[in-house]
Amino acid sequence: MFKSNMNHGFGGGCHMDTMPGMECPPIMEPPCENIVNRQINHNVKHIQPIHTRVINHHIYHHSYVPCYTCSEENIICNVYDMNPCCK
């Protein structure tokens, strides 16, 4: 009969010298890791106040209309003729 002390895994294992039909003790394996990636969507509302500012521009167009005036002066000049009597 073939005899071996082979250890399978990390536990005591099952030796090759067992009889057919006999059950070996379980072998503890190192844990494996399953990675599950989940995507979780979050809706975030942002309140953005918008202020509308109306600026009224009052534009005054100036036009100039001439207003003519007139003035008059009187200058008096006295001219004396020679009086023949005063000679």
PDB file of N, CA and C in Angstrom:
ATOM      1  N   MET A   1       0.840  -1.169   0.000  1.00  0.00           N
ATOM      2  CA  MET A   1       0.000   0.000   0.000  1.00  0.00           C
ATOM      3  C   MET A   1       0.889   1.237   0.000  1.00  0.00           C
ATOM      4  N   PHE A   2       0.485   2.235  -0.725  1.00  0.00           N
ATOM      5  CA  PHE A   2       1.234   3.472  -0.880  1.00  0.00           C
ATOM      6  C   PHE A   2       0.937   4.370   0.304  1.00  0.00           C
ATOM      7  N   LYS A   3       1.955   4.872   0.921  1.00  0.00           N
ATOM      8  CA  LYS A   3       1.781   5.709   2.096  1.00  0.00           C
ATOM      9  C   LYS A   3       2.426   7.051   1.831  1.00  0.00           C
ATOM     10  N   SER A   4       1.697   8.119   2.127  1.00  0.00           N
ATOM     11  CA  SER A   4       2.221   9.468   1.897  1.00  0.00           C
ATOM     12  C   SER A   4       1.734  10.367   3.022  1.00  0.00           C
ATOM     13  N   ASN A   5       2.532  11.314   3.368  1.00  0.00           N
ATOM     14  CA  ASN A   5       2.126  12.297   4.375  1.00  0.00           C
ATOM     15  C   ASN A   5       1.840  13.646   3.717  1.00  0.00           C
ATOM     16  N   MET A   6       1.202  13.617   2.600  1.00  0.00           N
ATOM     17  CA  MET A   6       0.902  14.861   1.880  1.00  0.00           C
ATOM     18  C   MET A   6      -0.197  15.623   2.600  1.00  0.00           C
ATOM     19  N   ASN A   7       0.006  16.891   2.770  1.00  0.00           N
ATOM     20  CA  ASN A   7      -1.001  17.771   3.361  1.00  0.00           C
ATOM     21  C   ASN A   7      -1.608  18.611   2.252  1.00  0.00           C
ATOM     22  N   HIS A   8      -2.878  18.576   2.157  1.00  0.00           N
ATOM     23  CA  HIS A   8      -3.572  19.401   1.169  1.00  0.00           C
ATOM     24  C   HIS A   8      -4.172  20.586   1.910  1.00  0.00           C
ATOM     25  N   GLY A   9      -3.851  21.797   1.474  1.00  0.00           N
ATOM     26  CA  GLY A   9      -4.439  22.976   2.122  1.00  0.00           C
ATOM     27  C   GLY A   9      -3.717  23.306   3.409  1.00  0.00           C
ATOM     28  N   PHE A  10      -4.469  23.927   4.331  1.00  0.00           N
ATOM     29  CA  PHE A  10      -3.868  24.397   5.566  1.00  0.00           C
ATOM     30  C   PHE A  10      -4.242  23.546   6.774  1.00  0.00           C
ATOM     31  N   GLY A  11      -5.251  22.724   6.629  1.00  0.00           N
ATOM     32  CA  GLY A  11      -5.675  21.911   7.766  1.00  0.00           C
ATOM     33  C   GLY A  11      -4.850  20.634   7.856  1.00  0.00           C
ATOM     34  N   GLY A  12      -5.360  19.684   8.620  1.00  0.00           N
ATOM     35  CA  GLY A  12      -4.666  18.421   8.788  1.00  0.00           C
ATOM     36  C   GLY A  12      -4.654  17.623   7.496  1.00  0.00           C
ATOM     37  N   GLY A  13      -5.674  17.792   6.657  1.00  0.00           N
ATOM     38  CA  GLY A  13      -5.712  17.140   5.370  1.00  0.00           C
ATOM     39  C   GLY A  13      -6.135  15.687   5.463  1.00  0.00           C
ATOM     40  N   CYS A  14      -6.150  15.070   4.341  1.00  0.00           N
ATOM     41  CA  CYS A  14      -6.567  13.679   4.219  1.00  0.00           C
ATOM     42  C   CYS A  14      -5.353  12.885   3.753  1.00  0.00           C
ATOM     43  N   HIS A  15      -4.977  11.908   4.475  1.00  0.00           N
ATOM     44  CA  HIS A  15      -3.797  11.123   4.100  1.00  0.00           C
ATOM     45  C   HIS A  15      -4.186  10.071   3.071  1.00  0.00           C
ATOM     46  N   MET A  16      -3.241   9.678   2.289  1.00  0.00           N
ATOM     47  CA  MET A  16      -3.490   8.718   1.226  1.00  0.00           C
ATOM     48  C   MET A  16      -3.740   7.297   1.744  1.00  0.00           C
ATOM     49  N   ASP A  17      -3.527   7.075   3.035  1.00  0.00           N
ATOM     50  CA  ASP A  17      -3.670   5.723   3.549  1.00  0.00           C
ATOM     51  C   ASP A  17      -5.081   5.413   4.041  1.00  0.00           C
ATOM     52  N   THR A  18      -6.078   6.252   3.671  1.00  0.00           N
ATOM     53  CA  THR A  18      -7.457   5.990   4.093  1.00  0.00           C
ATOM     54  C   THR A  18      -8.084   4.974   3.165  1.00  0.00           C
ATOM     55  N   MET A  19      -9.102   4.327   3.617  1.00  0.00           N
ATOM     56  CA  MET A  19      -9.786   3.302   2.851  1.00  0.00           C
ATOM     57  C   MET A  19     -10.771   3.951   1.896  1.00  0.00           C
ATOM     58  N   PRO A  20     -11.022   3.344   0.752  1.00  0.00           N
ATOM     59  CA  PRO A  20     -12.008   3.912  -0.162  1.00  0.00           C
ATOM     60  C   PRO A  20     -13.364   3.994   0.513  1.00  0.00           C
ATOM     61  N   GLY A  21     -14.060   5.121   0.270  1.00  0.00           N
ATOM     62  CA  GLY A  21     -15.368   5.333   0.849  1.00  0.00           C
ATOM     63  C   GLY A  21     -15.322   6.038   2.189  1.00  0.00           C
ATOM     64  N   MET A  22     -14.154   6.267   2.724  1.00  0.00           N
ATOM     65  CA  MET A  22     -14.041   6.975   3.989  1.00  0.00           C
ATOM     66  C   MET A  22     -13.987   8.471   3.710  1.00  0.00           C
ATOM     67  N   GLU A  23     -14.511   9.223   4.614  1.00  0.00           N
ATOM     68  CA  GLU A  23     -14.568  10.672   4.411  1.00  0.00           C
ATOM     69  C   GLU A  23     -13.425  11.343   5.141  1.00  0.00           C
ATOM     70  N   CYS A  24     -12.783  12.251   4.448  1.00  0.00           N
ATOM     71  CA  CYS A  24     -11.690  13.019   5.044  1.00  0.00           C
ATOM     72  C   CYS A  24     -12.262  14.226   5.767  1.00  0.00           C
ATOM     73  N   PRO A  25     -11.573  14.720   6.773  1.00  0.00           N
ATOM     74  CA  PRO A  25     -12.021  15.949   7.415  1.00  0.00           C
ATOM     75  C   PRO A  25     -11.901  17.126   6.442  1.00  0.00           C
ATOM     76  N   PRO A  26     -12.725  18.126   6.603  1.00  0.00           N
ATOM     77  CA  PRO A  26     -12.672  19.265   5.660  1.00  0.00           C
ATOM     78  C   PRO A  26     -11.359  20.024   5.763  1.00  0.00           C
ATOM     79  N   ILE A  27     -10.976  20.576   4.652  1.00  0.00           N
ATOM     80  CA  ILE A  27      -9.743  21.368   4.580  1.00  0.00           C
ATOM     81  C   ILE A  27     -10.145  22.845   4.570  1.00  0.00           C
ATOM     82  N   MET A  28      -9.575  23.598   5.498  1.00  0.00           N
ATOM     83  CA  MET A  28      -9.886  25.028   5.584  1.00  0.00           C
ATOM     84  C   MET A  28      -9.047  25.783   4.558  1.00  0.00           C
ATOM     85  N   GLU A  29      -9.702  26.379   3.619  1.00  0.00           N
ATOM     86  CA  GLU A  29      -9.038  27.164   2.570  1.00  0.00           C
ATOM     87  C   GLU A  29      -8.975  28.627   3.016  1.00  0.00           C
ATOM     88  N   PRO A  30      -8.011  29.357   2.476  1.00  0.00           N
ATOM     89  CA  PRO A  30      -7.986  30.794   2.790  1.00  0.00           C
ATOM     90  C   PRO A  30      -9.188  31.463   2.127  1.00  0.00           C
ATOM     91  N   PRO A  31      -9.718  32.463   2.762  1.00  0.00           N
ATOM     92  CA  PRO A  31     -10.905  33.094   2.182  1.00  0.00           C
ATOM     93  C   PRO A  31     -10.583  33.786   0.861  1.00  0.00           C
ATOM     94  N   CYS A  32     -11.511  33.706  -0.033  1.00  0.00           N
ATOM     95  CA  CYS A  32     -11.388  34.459  -1.276  1.00  0.00           C
ATOM     96  C   CYS A  32     -12.326  35.656  -1.163  1.00  0.00           C
ATOM     97  N   GLU A  33     -12.068  36.616  -1.935  1.00  0.00           N
ATOM     98  CA  GLU A  33     -12.838  37.853  -1.821  1.00  0.00           C
ATOM     99  C   GLU A  33     -13.562  38.130  -3.122  1.00  0.00           C
ATOM    100  N   ASN A  34     -14.852  38.347  -3.014  1.00  0.00           N
ATOM    101  CA  ASN A  34     -15.633  38.797  -4.160  1.00  0.00           C
ATOM    102  C   ASN A  34     -15.803  40.302  -4.029  1.00  0.00           C
ATOM    103  N   ILE A  35     -15.584  41.001  -5.098  1.00  0.00           N
ATOM    104  CA  ILE A  35     -15.747  42.449  -5.084  1.00  0.00           C
ATOM    105  C   ILE A  35     -16.978  42.787  -5.904  1.00  0.00           C
ATOM    106  N   VAL A  36     -17.899  43.470  -5.277  1.00  0.00           N
ATOM    107  CA  VAL A  36     -19.124  43.905  -5.946  1.00  0.00           C
ATOM    108  C   VAL A  36     -19.063  45.428  -6.026  1.00  0.00           C
ATOM    109  N   ASN A  37     -19.034  45.942  -7.229  1.00  0.00           N
ATOM    110  CA  ASN A  37     -19.038  47.387  -7.429  1.00  0.00           C
ATOM    111  C   ASN A  37     -20.469  47.836  -7.672  1.00  0.00           C
ATOM    112  N   ARG A  38     -20.910  48.759  -6.833  1.00  0.00           N
ATOM    113  CA  ARG A  38     -22.256  49.305  -7.009  1.00  0.00           C
ATOM    114  C   ARG A  38     -22.125  50.793  -7.292  1.00  0.00           C
ATOM    115  N   GLN A  39     -22.976  51.277  -8.124  1.00  0.00           N
ATOM    116  CA  GLN A  39     -23.024  52.704  -8.412  1.00  0.00           C
ATOM    117  C   GLN A  39     -24.318  53.244  -7.842  1.00  0.00           C
ATOM    118  N   ILE A  40     -24.175  54.176  -6.926  1.00  0.00           N
ATOM    119  CA  ILE A  40     -25.332  54.765  -6.270  1.00  0.00           C
ATOM    120  C   ILE A  40     -25.407  56.214  -6.718  1.00  0.00           C
ATOM    121  N   ASN A  41     -26.475  56.568  -7.389  1.00  0.00           N
ATOM    122  CA  ASN A  41     -26.648  57.924  -7.907  1.00  0.00           C
ATOM    123  C   ASN A  41     -27.373  58.777  -6.875  1.00  0.00           C
ATOM    124  N   HIS A  42     -26.856  59.969  -6.682  1.00  0.00           N
ATOM    125  CA  HIS A  42     -27.462  60.930  -5.776  1.00  0.00           C
ATOM    126  C   HIS A  42     -27.820  62.170  -6.584  1.00  0.00           C
ATOM    127  N   ASN A  43     -29.050  62.596  -6.505  1.00  0.00           N
ATOM    128  CA  ASN A  43     -29.478  63.824  -7.169  1.00  0.00           C
ATOM    129  C   ASN A  43     -29.387  64.965  -6.168  1.00  0.00           C
ATOM    130  N   VAL A  44     -28.569  65.937  -6.482  1.00  0.00           N
ATOM    131  CA  VAL A  44     -28.358  67.084  -5.613  1.00  0.00           C
ATOM    132  C   VAL A  44     -28.864  68.316  -6.345  1.00  0.00           C
ATOM    133  N   LYS A  45     -29.887  68.958  -5.769  1.00  0.00           N
ATOM    134  CA  LYS A  45     -30.423  70.170  -6.393  1.00  0.00           C
ATOM    135  C   LYS A  45     -29.623  71.371  -5.911  1.00  0.00           C
ATOM    136  N   HIS A  46     -29.265  72.208  -6.849  1.00  0.00           N
ATOM    137  CA  HIS A  46     -28.568  73.453  -6.538  1.00  0.00           C
ATOM    138  C   HIS A  46     -29.513  74.599  -6.856  1.00  0.00           C
ATOM    139  N   ILE A  47     -29.700  75.468  -5.897  1.00  0.00           N
ATOM    140  CA  ILE A  47     -30.552  76.632  -6.113  1.00  0.00           C
ATOM    141  C   ILE A  47     -29.647  77.790  -6.505  1.00  0.00           C
ATOM    142  N   GLN A  48     -29.871  78.314  -7.684  1.00  0.00           N
ATOM    143  CA  GLN A  48     -29.067  79.412  -8.200  1.00  0.00           C
ATOM    144  C   GLN A  48     -29.964  80.624  -8.364  1.00  0.00           C
ATOM    145  N   PRO A  49     -29.944  81.548  -7.407  1.00  0.00           N
ATOM    146  CA  PRO A  49     -30.775  82.742  -7.564  1.00  0.00           C
ATOM    147  C   PRO A  49     -30.278  83.592  -8.736  1.00  0.00           C
ATOM    148  N   ILE A  50     -31.207  84.089  -9.496  1.00  0.00           N
ATOM    149  CA  ILE A  50     -30.881  84.962 -10.622  1.00  0.00           C
ATOM    150  C   ILE A  50     -31.663  86.251 -10.438  1.00  0.00           C
ATOM    151  N   HIS A  51     -30.944  87.331 -10.336  1.00  0.00           N
ATOM    152  CA  HIS A  51     -31.561  88.640 -10.161  1.00  0.00           C
ATOM    153  C   HIS A  51     -31.427  89.411 -11.468  1.00  0.00           C
ATOM    154  N   THR A  52     -32.532  89.922 -11.955  1.00  0.00           N
ATOM    155  CA  THR A  52     -32.507  90.737 -13.166  1.00  0.00           C
ATOM    156  C   THR A  52     -32.574  92.193 -12.742  1.00  0.00           C
ATOM    157  N   ARG A  53     -31.613  92.956 -13.180  1.00  0.00           N
ATOM    158  CA  ARG A  53     -31.532  94.373 -12.841  1.00  0.00           C
ATOM    159  C   ARG A  53     -31.773  95.171 -14.108  1.00  0.00           C
ATOM    160  N   VAL A  54     -32.806  95.984 -14.097  1.00  0.00           N
ATOM    161  CA  VAL A  54     -33.145  96.807 -15.257  1.00  0.00           C
ATOM    162  C   VAL A  54     -32.608  98.209 -14.998  1.00  0.00           C
ATOM    163  N   ILE A  55     -31.804  98.693 -15.914  1.00  0.00           N
ATOM    164  CA  ILE A  55     -31.250 100.039 -15.803  1.00  0.00           C
ATOM    165  C   ILE A  55     -31.828 100.852 -16.944  1.00  0.00           C
ATOM    166  N   ASN A  56     -32.580 101.878 -16.580  1.00  0.00           N
ATOM    167  CA  ASN A  56     -33.188 102.769 -17.572  1.00  0.00           C
ATOM    168  C   ASN A  56     -32.233 103.922 -17.851  1.00  0.00           C
ATOM    169  N   HIS A  57     -31.886 104.083 -19.081  1.00  0.00           N
ATOM    170  CA  HIS A  57     -31.008 105.176 -19.487  1.00  0.00           C
ATOM    171  C   HIS A  57     -31.881 106.269 -20.111  1.00  0.00           C
ATOM    172  N   HIS A  58     -31.944 107.401 -19.452  1.00  0.00           N
ATOM    173  CA  HIS A  58     -32.699 108.540 -19.969  1.00  0.00           C
ATOM    174  C   HIS A  58     -31.722 109.421 -20.736  1.00  0.00           C
ATOM    175  N   ILE A  59     -31.934 109.505 -22.007  1.00  0.00           N
ATOM    176  CA  ILE A  59     -31.027 110.245 -22.876  1.00  0.00           C
ATOM    177  C   ILE A  59     -31.755 111.498 -23.345  1.00  0.00           C
ATOM    178  N   TYR A  60     -31.185 112.648 -23.031  1.00  0.00           N
ATOM    179  CA  TYR A  60     -31.764 113.928 -23.412  1.00  0.00           C
ATOM    180  C   TYR A  60     -30.989 114.464 -24.609  1.00  0.00           C
ATOM    181  N   HIS A  61     -31.702 114.676 -25.687  1.00  0.00           N
ATOM    182  CA  HIS A  61     -31.096 115.276 -26.879  1.00  0.00           C
ATOM    183  C   HIS A  61     -31.412 116.763 -26.850  1.00  0.00           C
ATOM    184  N   HIS A  62     -30.375 117.550 -26.807  1.00  0.00           N
ATOM    185  CA  HIS A  62     -30.553 119.004 -26.722  1.00  0.00           C
ATOM    186  C   HIS A  62     -30.363 119.603 -28.108  1.00  0.00           C
ATOM    187  N   SER A  63     -31.305 120.443 -28.472  1.00  0.00           N
ATOM    188  CA  SER A  63     -31.154 121.195 -29.716  1.00  0.00           C
ATOM    189  C   SER A  63     -31.224 122.678 -29.357  1.00  0.00           C
ATOM    190  N   TYR A  64     -30.499 123.423 -30.089  1.00  0.00           N
ATOM    191  CA  TYR A  64     -30.408 124.858 -29.802  1.00  0.00           C
ATOM    192  C   TYR A  64     -31.123 125.625 -30.900  1.00  0.00           C
ATOM    193  N   VAL A  65     -32.067 126.438 -30.488  1.00  0.00           N
ATOM    194  CA  VAL A  65     -32.802 127.295 -31.407  1.00  0.00           C
ATOM    195  C   VAL A  65     -32.348 128.723 -31.112  1.00  0.00           C
ATOM    196  N   PRO A  66     -31.789 129.375 -32.105  1.00  0.00           N
ATOM    197  CA  PRO A  66     -31.323 130.735 -31.823  1.00  0.00           C
ATOM    198  C   PRO A  66     -32.498 131.680 -31.571  1.00  0.00           C
ATOM    199  N   CYS A  67     -32.311 132.485 -30.637  1.00  0.00           N
ATOM    200  CA  CYS A  67     -33.300 133.513 -30.329  1.00  0.00           C
ATOM    201  C   CYS A  67     -32.577 134.849 -30.506  1.00  0.00           C
ATOM    202  N   TYR A  68     -32.899 135.515 -31.598  1.00  0.00           N
ATOM    203  CA  TYR A  68     -32.197 136.755 -31.938  1.00  0.00           C
ATOM    204  C   TYR A  68     -32.829 137.925 -31.217  1.00  0.00           C
ATOM    205  N   THR A  69     -31.990 138.769 -30.760  1.00  0.00           N
ATOM    206  CA  THR A  69     -32.459 140.028 -30.158  1.00  0.00           C
ATOM    207  C   THR A  69     -31.811 141.176 -30.909  1.00  0.00           C
ATOM    208  N   CYS A  70     -32.372 142.306 -30.697  1.00  0.00           N
ATOM    209  CA  CYS A  70     -31.852 143.491 -31.370  1.00  0.00           C
ATOM    210  C   CYS A  70     -31.897 144.652 -30.377  1.00  0.00           C
ATOM    211  N   SER A  71     -30.920 145.432 -30.414  1.00  0.00           N
ATOM    212  CA  SER A  71     -30.924 146.625 -29.572  1.00  0.00           C
ATOM    213  C   SER A  71     -30.612 147.835 -30.447  1.00  0.00           C
ATOM    214  N   GLU A  72     -31.029 148.958 -29.964  1.00  0.00           N
ATOM    215  CA  GLU A  72     -30.833 150.186 -30.733  1.00  0.00           C
ATOM    216  C   GLU A  72     -30.341 151.264 -29.776  1.00  0.00           C
ATOM    217  N   GLU A  73     -29.382 151.992 -30.227  1.00  0.00           N
ATOM    218  CA  GLU A  73     -28.839 153.090 -29.422  1.00  0.00           C
ATOM    219  C   GLU A  73     -28.969 154.379 -30.215  1.00  0.00           C
ATOM    220  N   ASN A  74     -29.184 155.397 -29.502  1.00  0.00           N
ATOM    221  CA  ASN A  74     -29.245 156.728 -30.110  1.00  0.00           C
ATOM    222  C   ASN A  74     -28.095 157.556 -29.552  1.00  0.00           C
ATOM    223  N   ILE A  75     -27.316 158.001 -30.439  1.00  0.00           N
ATOM    224  CA  ILE A  75     -26.209 158.870 -30.062  1.00  0.00           C
ATOM    225  C   ILE A  75     -26.535 160.260 -30.603  1.00  0.00           C
ATOM    226  N   ILE A  76     -26.405 161.142 -29.749  1.00  0.00           N
ATOM    227  CA  ILE A  76     -26.746 162.519 -30.134  1.00  0.00           C
ATOM    228  C   ILE A  76     -25.461 163.300 -30.388  1.00  0.00           C
ATOM    229  N   CYS A  77     -25.466 163.909 -31.522  1.00  0.00           N
ATOM    230  CA  CYS A  77     -24.368 164.782 -31.887  1.00  0.00           C
ATOM    231  C   CYS A  77     -24.951 166.180 -32.118  1.00  0.00           C
ATOM    232  N   ASN A  78     -24.415 167.102 -31.474  1.00  0.00           N
ATOM    233  CA  ASN A  78     -24.874 168.484 -31.661  1.00  0.00           C
ATOM    234  C   ASN A  78     -23.913 169.215 -32.596  1.00  0.00           C
ATOM    235  N   VAL A  79     -24.475 169.693 -33.586  1.00  0.00           N
ATOM    236  CA  VAL A  79     -23.680 170.452 -34.545  1.00  0.00           C
ATOM    237  C   VAL A  79     -24.186 171.905 -34.485  1.00  0.00           C
ATOM    238  N   TYR A  80     -23.283 172.723 -34.202  1.00  0.00           N
ATOM    239  CA  TYR A  80     -23.658 174.128 -34.113  1.00  0.00           C
ATOM    240  C   TYR A  80     -23.125 174.868 -35.341  1.00  0.00           C
ATOM    241  N   ASP A  81     -24.026 175.517 -35.975  1.00  0.00           N
ATOM    242  CA  ASP A  81     -23.612 176.379 -37.074  1.00  0.00           C
ATOM    243  C   ASP A  81     -23.205 177.721 -36.451  1.00  0.00           C
ATOM    244  N   MET A  82     -22.411 178.322 -37.130  1.00  0.00           N
ATOM    245  CA  MET A  82     -22.004 179.637 -36.650  1.00  0.00           C
ATOM    246  C   MET A  82     -23.146 180.615 -36.799  1.00  0.00           C
ATOM    247  N   ASN A  83     -23.509 181.132 -35.733  1.00  0.00           N
ATOM    248  CA  ASN A  83     -24.588 182.106 -35.758  1.00  0.00           C
ATOM    249  C   ASN A  83     -24.021 183.464 -36.257  1.00  0.00           C
ATOM    250  N   PRO A  84     -24.611 183.921 -37.318  1.00  0.00           N
ATOM    251  CA  PRO A  84     -24.085 185.161 -37.852  1.00  0.00           C
ATOM    252  C   PRO A  84     -24.284 186.347 -36.904  1.00  0.00           C
ATOM    253  N   CYS A  85     -25.149 186.163 -35.994  1.00  0.00           N
ATOM    254  CA  CYS A  85     -25.392 187.275 -35.074  1.00  0.00           C
ATOM    255  C   CYS A  85     -24.318 187.371 -34.004  1.00  0.00           C
ATOM    256  N   CYS A  86     -23.704 186.320 -33.794  1.00  0.00           N
ATOM    257  CA  CYS A  86     -22.736 186.268 -32.689  1.00  0.00           C
ATOM    258  C   CYS A  86     -21.375 186.755 -33.139  1.00  0.00           C
ATOM    259  N   LYS A  87     -21.265 187.351 -34.187  1.00  0.00           N
ATOM    260  CA  LYS A  87     -19.972 187.778 -34.665  1.00  0.00           C
ATOM    261  C   LYS A  87     -19.621 189.110 -34.162  1.00  0.00           C
TER     262      LYS A  87
END
